[in-house]
Amino acid sequence: MTVDAAAQRSTGRPSGGKAGGMMPGGAQAALHRVGGWLRANLFSSPSNTILTLVVVALAAVSLPPFFEWAVAKATIAGTTKSACTGDGACWTFIKVRFPLFFYGHYPPEETWRVNLAGLLLVAFSIPVIRETTRRRGRWLILLLTLYPVLAGILLIGGIPGLPFVDTSQWGGLMLDVLIAFLVVEGALPLGILLALGRRSRLPIIRLVSTGFIELWRGVPLLTVISMSAIMVPLFLPEGFSIDRLVRALIALILFNAAYMAETIRGGLQGVPAGQEEAAYSLGLGWWKVQAFVTVPQAIRNVLPGIVNNIVDLFKDTTLVTIIGLSDLLGTVMQALKDPAWLGLAKEGYVFAMVAFFICCFVMSTYARRVERRLTRHRH
């Protein structure tokens, strides 16, 4: 037997490292995996094949003109509209107005405080996100208690070394993130309590919880925000006022708590009754059973629904523009009214769309990661 024949017999393929004498085994395996993925996900049935071809055709028709407008013929140089002489997008507008889109009308010399608050948010969030962090619960408590206090001191100021900055000067993407964080922090715990209250055996608690949920779910969010800005001050004592941002936050927390409650109630109904019975048999009280047995399982069951509520909430923060607060979309609309930058609505709205998409995509991606980790035992 020759050396080549022995090598072929031991490896199961022709010698020389080629599959069939034409392609390396690794490349052939990679192509096989890609082909299998395409067949399983895009061409698994006649209907899926037709849908895939339709999507590819639409992409072929729409993407080249968009790429030509957004990239090939776009302008980013210069500092005025006169620099945009081509037929493409005028990203110079976004470049010049970017501080306004991110910070709103926050004093330029004080924007370092916003940056520091953002860095603190990342610093407090990383130990909570990492799976290997010890005592993650403590870090979560610090994120929900200590961080808002530190961020409030930094952003509001009014102490030596930090000049006072009124909330009317806050805006841009910073305001969207701030509102979403505080509303989730308030709405999620309140939603859990309302969901438990709606399942309570005490009629008065069940009635109050059900009435609260149905009331807030039956009122449009636009009306709720408008009422917080227009009607609430009319019922306050003379000489007493509440900042309109605080009023908007309270209204958003109460509104979203009702939706969180119904989402979590669905998860509570999915927890087997035997779980609670086993916990009670061990001598645990009602609160401990709910905190350590029932609610964690319920949240795990409805995590996609909770994330969906959070994503919707983040997009709904744009409604604060109706009460005079300028979030990202509000600042874009204000910038478009500047006579020096008229006619650039497409660039402004595309930028806002991309910014919101990135934020929502990051939240959804992390939520899917958490969901896979929490449901790992099922597989």
Protein backbone atom coordinates (compact mmCIF):
# COMPACT_ATOMS: atom_id res chain seq x y z
CA MET A 1 0.00 0.00 0.00
CA THR A 2 1.36 3.42 -0.91
CA VAL A 3 1.67 6.35 1.50
CA ASP A 4 -1.13 8.27 -0.28
CA ALA A 5 -3.45 5.27 -0.15
CA ALA A 6 -2.77 4.79 3.55
CA ALA A 7 -3.52 8.46 4.22
CA GLN A 8 -6.75 8.25 2.24
CA ARG A 9 -7.80 5.13 4.12
CA SER A 10 -7.10 6.69 7.56
CA THR A 11 -8.81 10.04 6.92
CA GLY A 12 -11.73 8.89 4.80
CA ARG A 13 -10.98 11.39 1.98
CA PRO A 14 -8.30 11.87 -0.68
CA SER A 15 -4.86 12.93 0.52
CA GLY A 16 -3.56 16.45 0.20
CA GLY A 17 -6.18 18.03 2.55
CA LYS A 18 -8.79 18.57 -0.18
CA ALA A 19 -12.37 17.36 -0.06
CA GLY A 20 -12.91 15.69 -3.38
CA GLY A 21 -9.56 17.20 -4.40
CA MET A 22 -11.19 20.60 -4.84
CA MET A 23 -12.12 22.26 -1.48
CA PRO A 24 -10.67 22.14 2.06
CA GLY A 25 -12.76 20.13 4.52
CA GLY A 26 -13.27 23.17 6.80
CA ALA A 27 -14.59 25.32 3.96
CA GLN A 28 -16.88 22.55 2.79
CA ALA A 29 -18.28 22.13 6.32
CA ALA A 30 -18.85 25.89 6.60
CA LEU A 31 -20.71 25.97 3.29
CA HIS A 32 -22.77 23.00 4.42
CA ARG A 33 -23.74 24.82 7.64
CA VAL A 34 -24.63 27.98 5.74
CA GLY A 35 -26.73 26.02 3.29
CA GLY A 36 -28.48 24.21 6.12
CA TRP A 37 -29.25 27.51 7.87
CA LEU A 38 -30.64 29.01 4.66
CA ARG A 39 -32.85 25.99 4.03
CA ALA A 40 -34.08 25.90 7.64
CA ASN A 41 -34.74 29.62 8.08
CA LEU A 42 -35.38 31.15 4.66
CA PHE A 43 -36.47 28.37 2.30
CA SER A 44 -38.09 25.83 4.63
CA SER A 45 -41.43 25.90 2.78
CA PRO A 46 -42.93 27.35 -0.40
CA SER A 47 -44.52 30.23 1.54
CA ASN A 48 -41.25 31.07 3.30
CA THR A 49 -39.41 30.92 -0.01
CA ILE A 50 -41.87 33.35 -1.61
CA LEU A 51 -41.64 35.69 1.41
CA THR A 52 -37.84 35.59 1.29
CA LEU A 53 -37.80 36.44 -2.40
CA VAL A 54 -40.25 39.31 -1.87
CA VAL A 55 -38.11 40.78 0.94
CA VAL A 56 -34.95 40.43 -1.16
CA ALA A 57 -36.69 42.15 -4.09
CA LEU A 58 -37.87 45.03 -1.89
CA ALA A 59 -34.38 45.42 -0.43
CA ALA A 60 -32.87 45.44 -3.92
CA VAL A 61 -35.26 48.20 -4.96
CA SER A 62 -35.06 50.42 -1.85
CA LEU A 63 -31.57 50.02 -0.41
CA PRO A 64 -29.44 51.25 -3.35
CA PRO A 65 -31.23 54.64 -3.62
CA PHE A 66 -31.10 55.07 0.16
CA PHE A 67 -27.37 54.22 0.22
CA GLU A 68 -26.75 56.68 -2.58
CA TRP A 69 -28.62 59.42 -0.68
CA ALA A 70 -27.29 58.65 2.81
CA VAL A 71 -23.67 57.76 1.97
CA ALA A 72 -22.49 58.13 -1.60
CA LYS A 73 -23.74 61.68 -2.21
CA ALA A 74 -23.97 62.81 1.41
CA THR A 75 -22.20 65.84 2.85
CA ILE A 76 -20.75 66.05 6.35
CA ALA A 77 -18.11 68.75 5.96
CA GLY A 78 -18.60 72.42 6.79
CA THR A 79 -20.68 74.15 9.43
CA THR A 80 -23.49 75.76 7.41
CA LYS A 81 -26.19 74.61 5.03
CA SER A 82 -24.28 76.17 2.13
CA ALA A 83 -21.73 73.36 2.45
CA CYS A 84 -24.41 70.88 1.34
CA THR A 85 -24.37 71.38 -2.41
CA GLY A 86 -24.99 67.79 -3.56
CA ASP A 87 -28.14 65.75 -3.98
CA GLY A 88 -27.46 63.56 -0.96
CA ALA A 89 -28.10 63.91 2.74
CA CYS A 90 -26.79 66.95 4.59
CA TRP A 91 -25.30 65.33 7.68
CA THR A 92 -23.61 68.64 8.42
CA PHE A 93 -26.91 69.60 10.03
CA ILE A 94 -26.67 66.64 12.42
CA LYS A 95 -23.00 67.32 13.17
CA VAL A 96 -23.58 70.96 14.05
CA ARG A 97 -26.72 70.28 16.09
CA PHE A 98 -25.55 67.09 17.78
CA PRO A 99 -24.97 68.71 21.22
CA LEU A 100 -28.55 70.02 21.10
CA PHE A 101 -29.89 66.59 20.16
CA PHE A 102 -28.02 64.94 23.02
CA TYR A 103 -28.11 67.52 25.84
CA GLY A 104 -31.01 69.76 24.88
CA HIS A 105 -30.51 73.30 26.19
CA TYR A 106 -28.36 72.18 29.10
CA PRO A 107 -25.62 74.83 29.60
CA PRO A 108 -22.67 73.85 27.37
CA GLU A 109 -20.13 74.52 30.12
CA GLU A 110 -21.99 72.11 32.42
CA THR A 111 -22.51 69.18 30.04
CA TRP A 112 -19.69 67.34 31.82
CA ARG A 113 -22.22 66.69 34.56
CA VAL A 114 -24.49 64.86 32.10
CA ASN A 115 -21.51 62.84 30.86
CA LEU A 116 -20.53 61.95 34.42
CA ALA A 117 -24.10 60.88 35.21
CA GLY A 118 -24.02 58.64 32.13
CA LEU A 119 -20.70 57.11 33.19
CA LEU A 120 -22.08 56.45 36.65
CA LEU A 121 -25.08 54.70 35.08
CA VAL A 122 -22.72 52.44 33.15
CA ALA A 123 -20.57 51.84 36.24
CA PHE A 124 -23.56 50.84 38.37
CA SER A 125 -25.10 48.75 35.57
CA ILE A 126 -22.08 46.63 34.65
CA PRO A 127 -22.02 44.63 37.93
CA VAL A 128 -25.77 44.05 37.55
CA ILE A 129 -25.43 42.85 33.96
CA ARG A 130 -22.43 40.57 34.47
CA GLU A 131 -23.36 37.01 35.37
CA THR A 132 -20.16 36.46 37.38
CA THR A 133 -20.70 39.38 39.76
CA ARG A 134 -20.98 38.38 43.38
CA ARG A 135 -23.89 39.84 45.35
CA ARG A 136 -25.59 41.25 42.28
CA GLY A 137 -28.64 42.00 44.38
CA ARG A 138 -26.73 44.63 46.33
CA TRP A 139 -25.54 46.25 43.12
CA LEU A 140 -29.10 46.27 41.83
CA ILE A 141 -30.27 48.01 45.01
CA LEU A 142 -27.47 50.59 44.63
CA LEU A 143 -28.48 51.14 40.99
CA LEU A 144 -32.09 51.78 41.98
CA THR A 145 -31.42 53.89 45.09
CA LEU A 146 -27.98 55.49 45.23
CA TYR A 147 -27.57 56.18 41.53
CA PRO A 148 -30.76 58.30 41.14
CA VAL A 149 -29.65 60.43 44.10
CA LEU A 150 -26.17 60.99 42.66
CA ALA A 151 -27.54 61.67 39.17
CA GLY A 152 -30.10 64.11 40.58
CA ILE A 153 -27.42 66.04 42.47
CA LEU A 154 -25.26 66.21 39.35
CA LEU A 155 -27.99 67.23 36.93
CA ILE A 156 -29.93 69.63 39.14
CA GLY A 157 -27.03 71.13 41.08
CA GLY A 158 -27.77 73.98 43.45
CA ILE A 159 -24.89 73.08 45.77
CA PRO A 160 -21.42 74.65 46.01
CA GLY A 161 -19.51 73.91 42.84
CA LEU A 162 -22.60 72.86 40.89
CA PRO A 163 -24.77 75.71 39.60
CA PHE A 164 -28.51 75.10 39.54
CA VAL A 165 -29.91 73.95 36.18
CA ASP A 166 -33.68 74.08 35.79
CA THR A 167 -35.39 71.05 34.27
CA SER A 168 -36.76 73.27 31.50
CA GLN A 169 -33.20 73.31 30.11
CA TRP A 170 -32.95 69.52 30.05
CA GLY A 171 -33.63 67.80 26.75
CA GLY A 172 -32.43 65.62 23.95
CA LEU A 173 -31.65 61.95 24.24
CA MET A 174 -30.52 62.54 27.81
CA LEU A 175 -34.11 63.36 28.80
CA ASP A 176 -35.50 60.25 27.07
CA VAL A 177 -33.08 57.97 28.92
CA LEU A 178 -33.69 59.71 32.25
CA ILE A 179 -37.49 59.50 31.97
CA ALA A 180 -37.42 55.87 30.86
CA PHE A 181 -35.10 54.84 33.71
CA LEU A 182 -37.11 56.56 36.43
CA VAL A 183 -40.47 55.42 35.09
CA VAL A 184 -39.37 51.77 34.88
CA GLU A 185 -37.92 52.02 38.38
CA GLY A 186 -41.27 53.22 39.70
CA ALA A 187 -43.72 51.36 37.47
CA LEU A 188 -42.31 47.85 37.81
CA PRO A 189 -42.53 47.56 41.63
CA LEU A 190 -45.93 49.27 41.63
CA GLY A 191 -47.10 46.94 38.88
CA ILE A 192 -46.05 43.91 40.92
CA LEU A 193 -48.02 45.16 43.92
CA LEU A 194 -51.09 45.85 41.76
CA ALA A 195 -50.89 42.40 40.18
CA LEU A 196 -50.71 40.78 43.60
CA GLY A 197 -53.53 43.01 44.82
CA ARG A 198 -55.78 42.04 41.94
CA ARG A 199 -55.32 38.38 42.94
CA SER A 200 -55.82 39.08 46.63
CA ARG A 201 -58.50 37.25 48.60
CA LEU A 202 -59.41 40.48 50.40
CA PRO A 203 -62.27 42.10 48.45
CA ILE A 204 -61.30 45.70 49.24
CA ILE A 205 -57.70 45.24 48.07
CA ARG A 206 -58.82 43.38 44.96
CA LEU A 207 -61.42 46.04 44.16
CA VAL A 208 -59.01 48.96 44.60
CA SER A 209 -56.30 47.27 42.50
CA THR A 210 -58.71 46.33 39.74
CA GLY A 211 -60.22 49.81 39.67
CA PHE A 212 -56.79 51.45 39.47
CA ILE A 213 -55.66 49.20 36.63
CA GLU A 214 -58.82 49.59 34.57
CA LEU A 215 -58.92 53.36 35.10
CA TRP A 216 -55.40 53.99 33.84
CA ARG A 217 -55.65 51.47 31.02
CA GLY A 218 -58.82 53.13 29.79
CA VAL A 219 -57.31 56.62 29.42
CA PRO A 220 -55.08 57.62 26.46
CA LEU A 221 -51.50 58.41 27.44
CA LEU A 222 -51.67 61.73 25.60
CA THR A 223 -54.55 62.75 27.85
CA VAL A 224 -52.70 61.63 30.97
CA ILE A 225 -49.65 63.75 30.16
CA SER A 226 -51.79 66.73 29.24
CA MET A 227 -53.72 66.46 32.50
CA SER A 228 -50.46 66.34 34.48
CA ALA A 229 -49.38 69.62 32.92
CA ILE A 230 -52.67 71.53 32.73
CA MET A 231 -55.16 70.19 35.27
CA VAL A 232 -52.99 69.12 38.22
CA PRO A 233 -51.69 72.66 38.95
CA LEU A 234 -55.32 73.84 39.23
CA PHE A 235 -55.94 71.52 42.18
CA LEU A 236 -52.77 72.44 44.08
CA PRO A 237 -52.87 74.92 46.99
CA GLU A 238 -52.07 78.52 46.14
CA GLY A 239 -48.34 79.16 46.18
CA PHE A 240 -47.52 75.46 45.87
CA SER A 241 -46.16 74.06 42.61
CA ILE A 242 -44.60 70.87 41.33
CA ASP A 243 -42.05 70.82 38.53
CA ARG A 244 -43.67 69.77 35.26
CA LEU A 245 -41.05 67.07 34.70
CA VAL A 246 -41.90 65.57 38.08
CA ARG A 247 -45.62 65.72 37.22
CA ALA A 248 -44.95 63.98 33.91
CA LEU A 249 -42.87 61.30 35.65
CA ILE A 250 -45.64 60.58 38.17
CA ALA A 251 -48.25 60.36 35.41
CA LEU A 252 -46.09 58.02 33.33
CA ILE A 253 -45.32 55.82 36.35
CA LEU A 254 -49.01 55.41 37.22
CA PHE A 255 -49.98 54.79 33.60
CA ASN A 256 -47.27 52.21 32.91
CA ALA A 257 -47.77 50.50 36.27
CA ALA A 258 -51.26 49.47 35.13
CA TYR A 259 -49.86 47.79 32.02
CA MET A 260 -47.00 46.21 33.98
CA ALA A 261 -49.56 44.85 36.46
CA GLU A 262 -51.53 43.03 33.77
CA THR A 263 -48.36 41.62 32.22
CA ILE A 264 -47.12 40.35 35.57
CA ARG A 265 -50.58 38.99 36.48
CA GLY A 266 -50.35 36.79 33.40
CA GLY A 267 -47.06 35.45 34.73
CA LEU A 268 -48.53 34.86 38.17
CA GLN A 269 -51.29 32.77 36.66
CA GLY A 270 -48.65 30.60 34.99
CA VAL A 271 -46.97 29.65 38.28
CA PRO A 272 -48.18 26.19 39.41
CA ALA A 273 -50.21 26.29 42.60
CA GLY A 274 -48.02 23.56 44.03
CA GLN A 275 -45.11 25.99 44.22
CA GLU A 276 -46.91 28.19 46.73
CA GLU A 277 -48.31 25.22 48.64
CA ALA A 278 -44.83 23.76 49.02
CA ALA A 279 -43.49 27.10 50.25
CA TYR A 280 -46.30 27.46 52.79
CA SER A 281 -45.64 23.92 54.02
CA LEU A 282 -42.08 24.99 54.86
CA GLY A 283 -43.44 27.68 57.17
CA LEU A 284 -42.88 30.71 54.95
CA GLY A 285 -45.24 33.66 55.32
CA TRP A 286 -47.25 35.20 52.47
CA TRP A 287 -44.78 37.99 51.73
CA LYS A 288 -41.80 35.63 51.64
CA VAL A 289 -43.65 33.20 49.41
CA GLN A 290 -44.46 35.97 46.95
CA ALA A 291 -40.98 37.55 47.09
CA PHE A 292 -38.90 34.38 46.83
CA VAL A 293 -41.12 31.87 45.03
CA THR A 294 -44.06 33.27 43.09
CA VAL A 295 -42.96 36.66 41.75
CA PRO A 296 -39.49 35.55 40.46
CA GLN A 297 -41.10 32.73 38.48
CA ALA A 298 -43.82 35.05 37.18
CA ILE A 299 -41.29 37.63 35.98
CA ARG A 300 -39.29 34.90 34.28
CA ASN A 301 -42.42 33.69 32.49
CA VAL A 302 -43.39 37.11 31.15
CA LEU A 303 -39.98 38.72 30.64
CA PRO A 304 -40.60 39.32 26.90
CA GLY A 305 -43.83 41.15 27.76
CA ILE A 306 -42.08 43.31 30.36
CA VAL A 307 -39.35 44.22 27.88
CA ASN A 308 -42.00 45.05 25.30
CA ASN A 309 -43.60 47.46 27.80
CA ILE A 310 -40.23 49.06 28.50
CA VAL A 311 -39.48 49.53 24.80
CA ASP A 312 -42.92 51.07 24.26
CA LEU A 313 -42.32 53.33 27.24
CA PHE A 314 -38.99 54.51 25.87
CA LYS A 315 -40.65 55.50 22.60
CA ASP A 316 -43.57 57.12 24.44
CA THR A 317 -41.18 59.53 26.15
CA THR A 318 -41.41 61.63 22.98
CA LEU A 319 -44.92 62.67 24.08
CA VAL A 320 -43.46 64.98 26.74
CA THR A 321 -42.96 67.51 23.95
CA ILE A 322 -46.65 68.45 24.28
CA ILE A 323 -45.98 69.90 27.76
CA GLY A 324 -42.93 71.89 26.68
CA LEU A 325 -40.17 69.38 27.45
CA SER A 326 -37.77 68.90 24.55
CA ASP A 327 -36.68 65.29 24.20
CA LEU A 328 -34.70 64.02 21.21
CA LEU A 329 -37.60 64.24 18.77
CA GLY A 330 -38.62 67.60 20.21
CA THR A 331 -35.15 69.08 19.75
CA VAL A 332 -35.04 67.77 16.20
CA MET A 333 -38.36 69.46 15.43
CA GLN A 334 -37.13 72.70 16.98
CA ALA A 335 -33.92 72.59 14.94
CA LEU A 336 -35.87 72.07 11.73
CA LYS A 337 -37.64 75.40 12.33
CA ASP A 338 -34.35 77.30 12.28
CA PRO A 339 -34.34 79.46 9.11
CA ALA A 340 -30.67 78.59 8.58
CA TRP A 341 -31.49 74.87 8.25
CA LEU A 342 -34.87 74.74 6.54
CA GLY A 343 -35.66 71.78 4.30
CA LEU A 344 -33.66 69.13 6.19
CA ALA A 345 -36.51 67.22 7.76
CA LYS A 346 -35.42 63.88 6.28
CA GLU A 347 -31.98 64.09 7.88
CA GLY A 348 -33.41 65.03 11.26
CA TYR A 349 -36.04 62.31 11.37
CA VAL A 350 -33.65 59.65 10.06
CA PHE A 351 -31.20 60.55 12.82
CA ALA A 352 -33.93 60.33 15.46
CA MET A 353 -35.11 57.01 14.02
CA VAL A 354 -31.61 55.52 14.12
CA ALA A 355 -30.99 56.76 17.68
CA PHE A 356 -34.24 55.25 18.97
CA PHE A 357 -33.65 52.03 17.05
CA ILE A 358 -30.18 51.59 18.55
CA CYS A 359 -31.45 52.14 22.09
CA CYS A 360 -34.40 49.76 21.65
CA PHE A 361 -32.24 47.15 19.93
CA VAL A 362 -29.73 47.18 22.78
CA MET A 363 -32.51 46.72 25.34
CA SER A 364 -34.09 43.88 23.35
CA THR A 365 -30.75 42.13 22.80
CA TYR A 366 -29.87 42.19 26.48
CA ALA A 367 -33.37 41.03 27.38
CA ARG A 368 -33.04 38.02 25.06
CA ARG A 369 -29.74 37.19 26.70
CA VAL A 370 -31.32 37.34 30.16
CA GLU A 371 -34.26 35.26 28.95
CA ARG A 372 -31.95 32.54 27.63
CA ARG A 373 -30.09 32.48 30.94
CA LEU A 374 -33.28 32.28 33.00
CA THR A 375 -34.78 29.51 30.86
CA ARG A 376 -31.57 27.51 30.54
CA HIS A 377 -32.83 24.91 33.02
CA ARG A 378 -35.73 24.05 30.71
CA HIS A 379 -33.36 22.82 28.03
